[in-house]
Amino acid sequence: MDTTVRYVTAERVAHLTLDRPDALNAIAPDQRERIICHLAEASADPETGAVIITGTGRGFCAGADLRGGASGGERVPGDVARTIRLGAQRLVAAVLDCEKPVIAAVNGTAAGLGVHLALACDLVLAAESARFIEVFVRRGLVPDGGGAYLLPRLIGPHRAKELMFFGDALSAPEAERLGLVNRVVPDADLPRTARDWAARLATGPTRALALTKQLVNASLDSDRAAAFAAEATAQEINMTTRDAQDGVRAFVERRTPDFRGR
């Protein structure tokens, strides 16, 4: 049984671990497909309230594993675009579209697609030893896997271009200063901090969190009128949930709400 992508659920938290430490958790196509499937599973499972993505060893994820893609038959126009569209972009979209909060616990080097996998997550925790590298320029490549979409929205176009043009390694504290990381913690504290954050999310109002995630992500591409309309519609939908109804009653009754993810 292939264990290079481990998926375990416990106490309403799904733990998705990349486990190829010898390759710094570079993602091969079959592993990518399993990650996408696991994210879809977590998204649809009413008993899952949050997801943690992390890696083993010194790397979070060194990006796409290109070793199997350098050879083969003749390449024709459209092949590269199709590969990216059906590969790296699908992976990043699976994180963005997951209906549960996704936490990246960046335990080491995140490079190339590995950076974008982390940045697509809703919250990013980083170990002090973590590094973020937009490595594409070092290979003469254009950033893919949604990088040119994600980075400018997080830190603005000038900072994004600096990282992508030079490909310099960004330390965890520097990433936190730029706003790419929510919090930097000592390496030994990373797993516990990620579990604590996930546990808080998993006991929250799951559907309200899903709609909140959807609203925030969509707002970056919406004008004010569209964003306001989406907000009103989301709240209309949310008020049909059991958690929202109990949350309002709890406020009136001056008690702690009993959220059940429904």
C-alpha atoms as a PDB file:
ATOM      1  CA  MET A   1       0.000   0.000   0.000  1.00  0.00           C
ATOM      2  CA  ASP A   2       1.347   3.422  -1.001  1.00  0.00           C
ATOM      3  CA  THR A   3       1.630   5.635   2.080  1.00  0.00           C
ATOM      4  CA  THR A   4       3.227   8.696   0.459  1.00  0.00           C
ATOM      5  CA  VAL A   5      -0.021  10.581   1.109  1.00  0.00           C
ATOM      6  CA  ARG A   6      -1.501   9.766   4.509  1.00  0.00           C
ATOM      7  CA  TYR A   7      -5.077  10.699   5.384  1.00  0.00           C
ATOM      8  CA  VAL A   8      -6.462  10.219   8.888  1.00  0.00           C
ATOM      9  CA  THR A   9      -9.512  11.726  10.559  1.00  0.00           C
ATOM     10  CA  ALA A  10      -9.824  12.164  14.311  1.00  0.00           C
ATOM     11  CA  GLU A  11     -12.140  14.318  16.418  1.00  0.00           C
ATOM     12  CA  ARG A  12     -13.658  15.997  13.339  1.00  0.00           C
ATOM     13  CA  VAL A  13     -10.227  16.981  11.936  1.00  0.00           C
ATOM     14  CA  ALA A  14      -8.796  15.481   8.748  1.00  0.00           C
ATOM     15  CA  HIS A  15      -5.001  15.201   8.771  1.00  0.00           C
ATOM     16  CA  LEU A  16      -3.493  15.087   5.267  1.00  0.00           C
ATOM     17  CA  THR A  17       0.246  14.394   5.403  1.00  0.00           C
ATOM     18  CA  LEU A  18       2.676  14.339   2.490  1.00  0.00           C
ATOM     19  CA  ASP A  19       5.135  11.568   3.315  1.00  0.00           C
ATOM     20  CA  ARG A  20       7.999  11.485   0.796  1.00  0.00           C
ATOM     21  CA  PRO A  21      10.741  12.974   2.980  1.00  0.00           C
ATOM     22  CA  ASP A  22      13.492  11.718   0.681  1.00  0.00           C
ATOM     23  CA  ALA A  23      12.041  13.907  -2.106  1.00  0.00           C
ATOM     24  CA  LEU A  24      11.101  16.813   0.190  1.00  0.00           C
ATOM     25  CA  ASN A  25       7.487  15.748  -0.445  1.00  0.00           C
ATOM     26  CA  ALA A  26       7.507  16.667  -4.125  1.00  0.00           C
ATOM     27  CA  ILE A  27       4.128  15.752  -5.591  1.00  0.00           C
ATOM     28  CA  ALA A  28       3.902  13.190  -8.389  1.00  0.00           C
ATOM     29  CA  PRO A  29       0.703  12.923 -10.476  1.00  0.00           C
ATOM     30  CA  ASP A  30      -0.727   9.933  -8.600  1.00  0.00           C
ATOM     31  CA  GLN A  31      -0.157  11.655  -5.255  1.00  0.00           C
ATOM     32  CA  ARG A  32      -1.762  14.833  -6.563  1.00  0.00           C
ATOM     33  CA  GLU A  33      -4.868  12.877  -7.505  1.00  0.00           C
ATOM     34  CA  ARG A  34      -5.078  11.320  -4.038  1.00  0.00           C
ATOM     35  CA  ILE A  35      -4.770  14.736  -2.386  1.00  0.00           C
ATOM     36  CA  ILE A  36      -7.575  16.079  -4.572  1.00  0.00           C
ATOM     37  CA  CYS A  37      -9.765  13.082  -3.709  1.00  0.00           C
ATOM     38  CA  HIS A  38      -9.075  13.447   0.007  1.00  0.00           C
ATOM     39  CA  LEU A  39      -9.964  17.144  -0.063  1.00  0.00           C
ATOM     40  CA  ALA A  40     -13.220  16.320  -1.838  1.00  0.00           C
ATOM     41  CA  GLU A  41     -13.909  13.639   0.780  1.00  0.00           C
ATOM     42  CA  ALA A  42     -13.308  16.080   3.646  1.00  0.00           C
ATOM     43  CA  SER A  43     -15.435  18.695   1.930  1.00  0.00           C
ATOM     44  CA  ALA A  44     -18.425  16.352   1.642  1.00  0.00           C
ATOM     45  CA  ASP A  45     -18.106  14.626   5.013  1.00  0.00           C
ATOM     46  CA  PRO A  46     -20.470  16.174   7.615  1.00  0.00           C
ATOM     47  CA  GLU A  47     -18.335  14.639  10.372  1.00  0.00           C
ATOM     48  CA  THR A  48     -15.235  16.593   9.262  1.00  0.00           C
ATOM     49  CA  GLY A  49     -14.930  20.178  10.439  1.00  0.00           C
ATOM     50  CA  ALA A  50     -11.378  21.147   9.450  1.00  0.00           C
ATOM     51  CA  VAL A  51      -8.366  19.933   7.474  1.00  0.00           C
ATOM     52  CA  ILE A  52      -4.637  20.127   8.218  1.00  0.00           C
ATOM     53  CA  ILE A  53      -2.101  19.758   5.404  1.00  0.00           C
ATOM     54  CA  THR A  54       1.508  19.162   6.400  1.00  0.00           C
ATOM     55  CA  GLY A  55       4.607  17.208   5.427  1.00  0.00           C
ATOM     56  CA  THR A  56       7.188  14.960   7.009  1.00  0.00           C
ATOM     57  CA  GLY A  57      10.919  15.523   7.269  1.00  0.00           C
ATOM     58  CA  ARG A  58      12.671  18.732   6.237  1.00  0.00           C
ATOM     59  CA  GLY A  59      10.211  19.739   3.544  1.00  0.00           C
ATOM     60  CA  PHE A  60       6.584  20.764   3.413  1.00  0.00           C
ATOM     61  CA  CYS A  61       6.483  20.302  -0.349  1.00  0.00           C
ATOM     62  CA  ALA A  62       9.217  20.859  -2.939  1.00  0.00           C
ATOM     63  CA  GLY A  63       6.632  21.343  -5.687  1.00  0.00           C
ATOM     64  CA  ALA A  64       5.652  19.109  -8.570  1.00  0.00           C
ATOM     65  CA  ASP A  65       7.818  16.046  -9.140  1.00  0.00           C
ATOM     66  CA  LEU A  66       9.109  16.675 -12.677  1.00  0.00           C
ATOM     67  CA  ARG A  67      11.337  13.637 -12.908  1.00  0.00           C
ATOM     68  CA  GLY A  68       8.709  11.595 -14.704  1.00  0.00           C
ATOM     69  CA  GLY A  69       7.720  14.326 -17.125  1.00  0.00           C
ATOM     70  CA  ALA A  70      10.962  15.182 -18.881  1.00  0.00           C
ATOM     71  CA  SER A  71      10.838  12.252 -21.310  1.00  0.00           C
ATOM     72  CA  GLY A  72       8.165  10.599 -23.404  1.00  0.00           C
ATOM     73  CA  GLY A  73       6.610  11.067 -26.804  1.00  0.00           C
ATOM     74  CA  GLU A  74       6.565  14.136 -28.976  1.00  0.00           C
ATOM     75  CA  ARG A  75       4.987  17.170 -27.347  1.00  0.00           C
ATOM     76  CA  VAL A  76       2.413  19.067 -29.388  1.00  0.00           C
ATOM     77  CA  PRO A  77       0.956  22.560 -28.809  1.00  0.00           C
ATOM     78  CA  GLY A  78      -1.572  22.454 -26.005  1.00  0.00           C
ATOM     79  CA  ASP A  79       0.038  19.611 -24.071  1.00  0.00           C
ATOM     80  CA  VAL A  80       1.702  21.840 -21.460  1.00  0.00           C
ATOM     81  CA  ALA A  81      -1.380  23.991 -20.880  1.00  0.00           C
ATOM     82  CA  ARG A  82      -3.544  20.887 -20.553  1.00  0.00           C
ATOM     83  CA  THR A  83      -1.126  19.321 -18.070  1.00  0.00           C
ATOM     84  CA  ILE A  84      -1.121  22.439 -15.897  1.00  0.00           C
ATOM     85  CA  ARG A  85      -4.877  22.901 -16.122  1.00  0.00           C
ATOM     86  CA  LEU A  86      -5.631  19.290 -15.176  1.00  0.00           C
ATOM     87  CA  GLY A  87      -2.737  19.019 -12.715  1.00  0.00           C
ATOM     88  CA  ALA A  88      -1.369  21.842 -10.559  1.00  0.00           C
ATOM     89  CA  GLN A  89      -4.368  24.116 -11.076  1.00  0.00           C
ATOM     90  CA  ARG A  90      -6.816  21.364 -10.081  1.00  0.00           C
ATOM     91  CA  LEU A  91      -4.825  20.756  -6.912  1.00  0.00           C
ATOM     92  CA  VAL A  92      -4.852  24.405  -5.863  1.00  0.00           C
ATOM     93  CA  ALA A  93      -8.532  24.730  -6.788  1.00  0.00           C
ATOM     94  CA  ALA A  94      -9.331  21.693  -4.622  1.00  0.00           C
ATOM     95  CA  VAL A  95      -7.943  23.559  -1.599  1.00  0.00           C
ATOM     96  CA  LEU A  96      -9.690  26.823  -2.445  1.00  0.00           C
ATOM     97  CA  ASP A  97     -13.008  25.071  -3.092  1.00  0.00           C
ATOM     98  CA  CYS A  98     -12.922  22.740  -0.081  1.00  0.00           C
ATOM     99  CA  GLU A  99     -15.972  23.549   2.044  1.00  0.00           C
ATOM    100  CA  LYS A 100     -14.024  23.110   5.264  1.00  0.00           C
ATOM    101  CA  PRO A 101     -11.313  25.406   6.659  1.00  0.00           C
ATOM    102  CA  VAL A 102      -7.897  24.164   5.536  1.00  0.00           C
ATOM    103  CA  ILE A 103      -4.783  24.863   7.628  1.00  0.00           C
ATOM    104  CA  ALA A 104      -1.296  24.595   6.143  1.00  0.00           C
ATOM    105  CA  ALA A 105       1.234  23.511   8.766  1.00  0.00           C
ATOM    106  CA  VAL A 106       4.425  24.350   6.879  1.00  0.00           C
ATOM    107  CA  ASN A 107       7.083  22.245   8.572  1.00  0.00           C
ATOM    108  CA  GLY A 108       9.989  22.984   6.227  1.00  0.00           C
ATOM    109  CA  THR A 109      10.802  24.136   2.719  1.00  0.00           C
ATOM    110  CA  ALA A 110       7.864  25.019   0.469  1.00  0.00           C
ATOM    111  CA  ALA A 111       8.984  25.564  -3.122  1.00  0.00           C
ATOM    112  CA  GLY A 112       7.191  26.116  -6.415  1.00  0.00           C
ATOM    113  CA  LEU A 113       3.812  24.412  -6.353  1.00  0.00           C
ATOM    114  CA  GLY A 114       4.444  23.699  -2.666  1.00  0.00           C
ATOM    115  CA  VAL A 115       4.287  27.446  -1.952  1.00  0.00           C
ATOM    116  CA  HIS A 116       1.011  27.768  -3.814  1.00  0.00           C
ATOM    117  CA  LEU A 117      -0.436  24.705  -2.075  1.00  0.00           C
ATOM    118  CA  ALA A 118       0.260  26.410   1.260  1.00  0.00           C
ATOM    119  CA  LEU A 119      -0.984  29.836   0.201  1.00  0.00           C
ATOM    120  CA  ALA A 120      -4.240  28.405  -1.125  1.00  0.00           C
ATOM    121  CA  CYS A 121      -5.031  27.235   2.413  1.00  0.00           C
ATOM    122  CA  ASP A 122      -7.265  29.388   4.598  1.00  0.00           C
ATOM    123  CA  LEU A 123      -4.733  29.686   7.422  1.00  0.00           C
ATOM    124  CA  VAL A 124      -0.969  29.225   7.263  1.00  0.00           C
ATOM    125  CA  LEU A 125       1.168  28.206  10.224  1.00  0.00           C
ATOM    126  CA  ALA A 126       4.912  27.981   9.703  1.00  0.00           C
ATOM    127  CA  ALA A 127       7.720  26.434  11.687  1.00  0.00           C
ATOM    128  CA  GLU A 128      10.642  28.762  12.361  1.00  0.00           C
ATOM    129  CA  SER A 129      12.779  26.700   9.982  1.00  0.00           C
ATOM    130  CA  ALA A 130      10.285  26.917   7.105  1.00  0.00           C
ATOM    131  CA  ARG A 131      11.248  28.660   3.855  1.00  0.00           C
ATOM    132  CA  PHE A 132       9.144  29.745   0.898  1.00  0.00           C
ATOM    133  CA  ILE A 133      10.741  29.773  -2.559  1.00  0.00           C
ATOM    134  CA  GLU A 134       9.138  30.839  -5.846  1.00  0.00           C
ATOM    135  CA  VAL A 135      11.581  28.575  -7.614  1.00  0.00           C
ATOM    136  CA  PHE A 136      10.119  28.760 -11.130  1.00  0.00           C
ATOM    137  CA  VAL A 137      12.413  31.529 -12.379  1.00  0.00           C
ATOM    138  CA  ARG A 138      15.451  29.436 -11.425  1.00  0.00           C
ATOM    139  CA  ARG A 139      14.274  26.861 -13.981  1.00  0.00           C
ATOM    140  CA  GLY A 140      13.366  29.429 -16.629  1.00  0.00           C
ATOM    141  CA  LEU A 141       9.668  28.766 -16.059  1.00  0.00           C
ATOM    142  CA  VAL A 142       6.545  30.862 -15.607  1.00  0.00           C
ATOM    143  CA  PRO A 143       4.921  30.423 -12.175  1.00  0.00           C
ATOM    144  CA  ASP A 144       1.992  28.012 -12.420  1.00  0.00           C
ATOM    145  CA  GLY A 145      -0.365  26.322 -10.008  1.00  0.00           C
ATOM    146  CA  GLY A 146      -2.208  29.598  -9.441  1.00  0.00           C
ATOM    147  CA  GLY A 147       0.798  31.552  -8.198  1.00  0.00           C
ATOM    148  CA  ALA A 148       0.194  34.692 -10.240  1.00  0.00           C
ATOM    149  CA  TYR A 149      -3.405  34.651  -8.985  1.00  0.00           C
ATOM    150  CA  LEU A 150      -2.703  34.004  -5.305  1.00  0.00           C
ATOM    151  CA  LEU A 151       0.392  36.078  -4.522  1.00  0.00           C
ATOM    152  CA  PRO A 152      -0.744  39.539  -5.738  1.00  0.00           C
ATOM    153  CA  ARG A 153      -3.985  39.137  -3.802  1.00  0.00           C
ATOM    154  CA  LEU A 154      -2.077  38.390  -0.637  1.00  0.00           C
ATOM    155  CA  ILE A 155       0.803  40.881  -0.775  1.00  0.00           C
ATOM    156  CA  GLY A 156       0.205  43.131  -3.800  1.00  0.00           C
ATOM    157  CA  PRO A 157       1.758  43.072  -7.278  1.00  0.00           C
ATOM    158  CA  HIS A 158       5.125  44.647  -6.472  1.00  0.00           C
ATOM    159  CA  ARG A 159       6.000  42.223  -3.680  1.00  0.00           C
ATOM    160  CA  ALA A 160       4.678  39.322  -5.741  1.00  0.00           C
ATOM    161  CA  LYS A 161       6.894  40.284  -8.671  1.00  0.00           C
ATOM    162  CA  GLU A 162       9.923  40.584  -6.399  1.00  0.00           C
ATOM    163  CA  LEU A 163       9.438  37.033  -5.141  1.00  0.00           C
ATOM    164  CA  MET A 164       8.713  35.623  -8.594  1.00  0.00           C
ATOM    165  CA  PHE A 165      11.377  37.579 -10.515  1.00  0.00           C
ATOM    166  CA  PHE A 166      14.275  36.732  -8.180  1.00  0.00           C
ATOM    167  CA  GLY A 167      13.250  33.365  -6.738  1.00  0.00           C
ATOM    168  CA  ASP A 168      15.003  34.120  -3.447  1.00  0.00           C
ATOM    169  CA  ALA A 169      14.232  32.014  -0.389  1.00  0.00           C
ATOM    170  CA  LEU A 170      11.876  33.750   2.033  1.00  0.00           C
ATOM    171  CA  SER A 171      12.260  32.857   5.705  1.00  0.00           C
ATOM    172  CA  ALA A 172       9.223  32.128   7.857  1.00  0.00           C
ATOM    173  CA  PRO A 173       9.532  35.410   9.833  1.00  0.00           C
ATOM    174  CA  GLU A 174       9.818  37.362   6.552  1.00  0.00           C
ATOM    175  CA  ALA A 175       6.764  35.560   5.191  1.00  0.00           C
ATOM    176  CA  GLU A 176       4.843  36.468   8.344  1.00  0.00           C
ATOM    177  CA  ARG A 177       5.899  40.102   8.009  1.00  0.00           C
ATOM    178  CA  LEU A 178       4.637  40.198   4.419  1.00  0.00           C
ATOM    179  CA  GLY A 179       1.310  38.649   5.401  1.00  0.00           C
ATOM    180  CA  LEU A 180       1.809  35.256   3.757  1.00  0.00           C
ATOM    181  CA  VAL A 181       1.806  33.455   7.099  1.00  0.00           C
ATOM    182  CA  ASN A 182      -0.615  33.819  10.005  1.00  0.00           C
ATOM    183  CA  ARG A 183       1.845  32.752  12.667  1.00  0.00           C
ATOM    184  CA  VAL A 184       5.395  31.426  13.040  1.00  0.00           C
ATOM    185  CA  VAL A 185       6.006  28.952  15.870  1.00  0.00           C
ATOM    186  CA  PRO A 186       8.992  26.914  17.089  1.00  0.00           C
ATOM    187  CA  ASP A 187       9.397  23.754  15.036  1.00  0.00           C
ATOM    188  CA  ALA A 188       8.459  21.500  17.948  1.00  0.00           C
ATOM    189  CA  ASP A 189       5.231  23.460  18.549  1.00  0.00           C
ATOM    190  CA  LEU A 190       3.921  23.329  14.980  1.00  0.00           C
ATOM    191  CA  PRO A 191       1.909  20.062  15.176  1.00  0.00           C
ATOM    192  CA  ARG A 192       0.273  21.032  18.471  1.00  0.00           C
ATOM    193  CA  THR A 193      -0.578  24.545  17.293  1.00  0.00           C
ATOM    194  CA  ALA A 194      -2.102  23.203  14.078  1.00  0.00           C
ATOM    195  CA  ARG A 195      -4.165  20.679  16.062  1.00  0.00           C
ATOM    196  CA  ASP A 196      -5.352  23.386  18.462  1.00  0.00           C
ATOM    197  CA  TRP A 197      -6.442  25.689  15.636  1.00  0.00           C
ATOM    198  CA  ALA A 198      -8.138  22.845  13.787  1.00  0.00           C
ATOM    199  CA  ALA A 199      -9.931  21.708  16.936  1.00  0.00           C
ATOM    200  CA  ARG A 200     -11.379  25.188  17.427  1.00  0.00           C
ATOM    201  CA  LEU A 201     -12.572  25.287  13.836  1.00  0.00           C
ATOM    202  CA  ALA A 202     -13.968  21.754  14.001  1.00  0.00           C
ATOM    203  CA  THR A 203     -16.220  22.680  16.917  1.00  0.00           C
ATOM    204  CA  GLY A 204     -17.509  25.783  15.139  1.00  0.00           C
ATOM    205  CA  PRO A 205     -20.522  26.340  12.866  1.00  0.00           C
ATOM    206  CA  THR A 206     -19.306  24.343   9.865  1.00  0.00           C
ATOM    207  CA  ARG A 207     -21.750  25.662   7.270  1.00  0.00           C
ATOM    208  CA  ALA A 208     -21.239  29.280   8.356  1.00  0.00           C
ATOM    209  CA  LEU A 209     -17.472  28.805   8.018  1.00  0.00           C
ATOM    210  CA  ALA A 210     -17.912  27.304   4.546  1.00  0.00           C
ATOM    211  CA  LEU A 211     -20.036  30.227   3.402  1.00  0.00           C
ATOM    212  CA  THR A 212     -17.615  32.708   4.984  1.00  0.00           C
ATOM    213  CA  LYS A 213     -14.716  31.102   3.112  1.00  0.00           C
ATOM    214  CA  GLN A 214     -16.667  31.276  -0.130  1.00  0.00           C
ATOM    215  CA  LEU A 215     -17.552  34.941   0.413  1.00  0.00           C
ATOM    216  CA  VAL A 216     -13.991  36.023   1.224  1.00  0.00           C
ATOM    217  CA  ASN A 217     -12.480  34.142  -1.720  1.00  0.00           C
ATOM    218  CA  ALA A 218     -15.090  35.487  -4.159  1.00  0.00           C
ATOM    219  CA  SER A 219     -14.784  39.060  -2.849  1.00  0.00           C
ATOM    220  CA  LEU A 220     -11.323  39.403  -4.371  1.00  0.00           C
ATOM    221  CA  ASP A 221     -12.872  39.148  -7.830  1.00  0.00           C
ATOM    222  CA  SER A 222     -16.161  40.982  -7.153  1.00  0.00           C
ATOM    223  CA  ASP A 223     -17.338  44.569  -7.190  1.00  0.00           C
ATOM    224  CA  ARG A 224     -19.154  45.952  -4.154  1.00  0.00           C
ATOM    225  CA  ALA A 225     -22.653  45.300  -5.469  1.00  0.00           C
ATOM    226  CA  ALA A 226     -21.898  41.673  -6.271  1.00  0.00           C
ATOM    227  CA  ALA A 227     -20.135  41.157  -2.933  1.00  0.00           C
ATOM    228  CA  PHE A 228     -23.043  42.663  -0.977  1.00  0.00           C
ATOM    229  CA  ALA A 229     -25.556  40.543  -2.878  1.00  0.00           C
ATOM    230  CA  ALA A 230     -23.528  37.393  -2.262  1.00  0.00           C
ATOM    231  CA  GLU A 231     -23.280  38.241   1.448  1.00  0.00           C
ATOM    232  CA  ALA A 232     -27.039  38.656   1.803  1.00  0.00           C
ATOM    233  CA  THR A 233     -27.703  35.410  -0.051  1.00  0.00           C
ATOM    234  CA  ALA A 234     -25.161  33.530   2.054  1.00  0.00           C
ATOM    235  CA  GLN A 235     -26.762  34.730   5.266  1.00  0.00           C
ATOM    236  CA  GLU A 236     -30.198  33.739   3.945  1.00  0.00           C
ATOM    237  CA  ILE A 237     -28.903  30.224   3.273  1.00  0.00           C
ATOM    238  CA  ASN A 238     -27.028  30.076   6.568  1.00  0.00           C
ATOM    239  CA  MET A 239     -30.083  30.958   8.630  1.00  0.00           C
ATOM    240  CA  THR A 240     -31.671  27.670   7.544  1.00  0.00           C
ATOM    241  CA  THR A 241     -28.932  25.713   9.355  1.00  0.00           C
ATOM    242  CA  ARG A 242     -29.371  24.212  12.789  1.00  0.00           C
ATOM    243  CA  ASP A 243     -26.159  25.877  14.062  1.00  0.00           C
ATOM    244  CA  ALA A 244     -27.245  29.387  13.104  1.00  0.00           C
ATOM    245  CA  GLN A 245     -30.655  28.932  14.711  1.00  0.00           C
ATOM    246  CA  ASP A 246     -29.106  27.630  17.925  1.00  0.00           C
ATOM    247  CA  GLY A 247     -26.491  30.377  17.856  1.00  0.00           C
ATOM    248  CA  VAL A 248     -29.180  33.076  17.822  1.00  0.00           C
ATOM    249  CA  ARG A 249     -31.182  31.319  20.558  1.00  0.00           C
ATOM    250  CA  ALA A 250     -28.031  30.952  22.642  1.00  0.00           C
ATOM    251  CA  PHE A 251     -27.402  34.698  22.399  1.00  0.00           C
ATOM    252  CA  VAL A 252     -30.933  35.464  23.601  1.00  0.00           C
ATOM    253  CA  GLU A 253     -30.734  32.830  26.338  1.00  0.00           C
ATOM    254  CA  ARG A 254     -27.236  33.930  27.384  1.00  0.00           C
ATOM    255  CA  ARG A 255     -25.657  30.507  27.002  1.00  0.00           C
ATOM    256  CA  THR A 256     -22.875  28.955  24.941  1.00  0.00           C
ATOM    257  CA  PRO A 257     -24.140  27.740  21.563  1.00  0.00           C
ATOM    258  CA  ASP A 258     -24.091  24.012  20.842  1.00  0.00           C
ATOM    259  CA  PHE A 259     -22.669  23.841  17.326  1.00  0.00           C
ATOM    260  CA  ARG A 260     -22.903  20.459  15.626  1.00  0.00           C
ATOM    261  CA  GLY A 261     -21.798  21.217  12.077  1.00  0.00           C
ATOM    262  CA  ARG A 262     -25.357  21.075  10.765  1.00  0.00           C
END
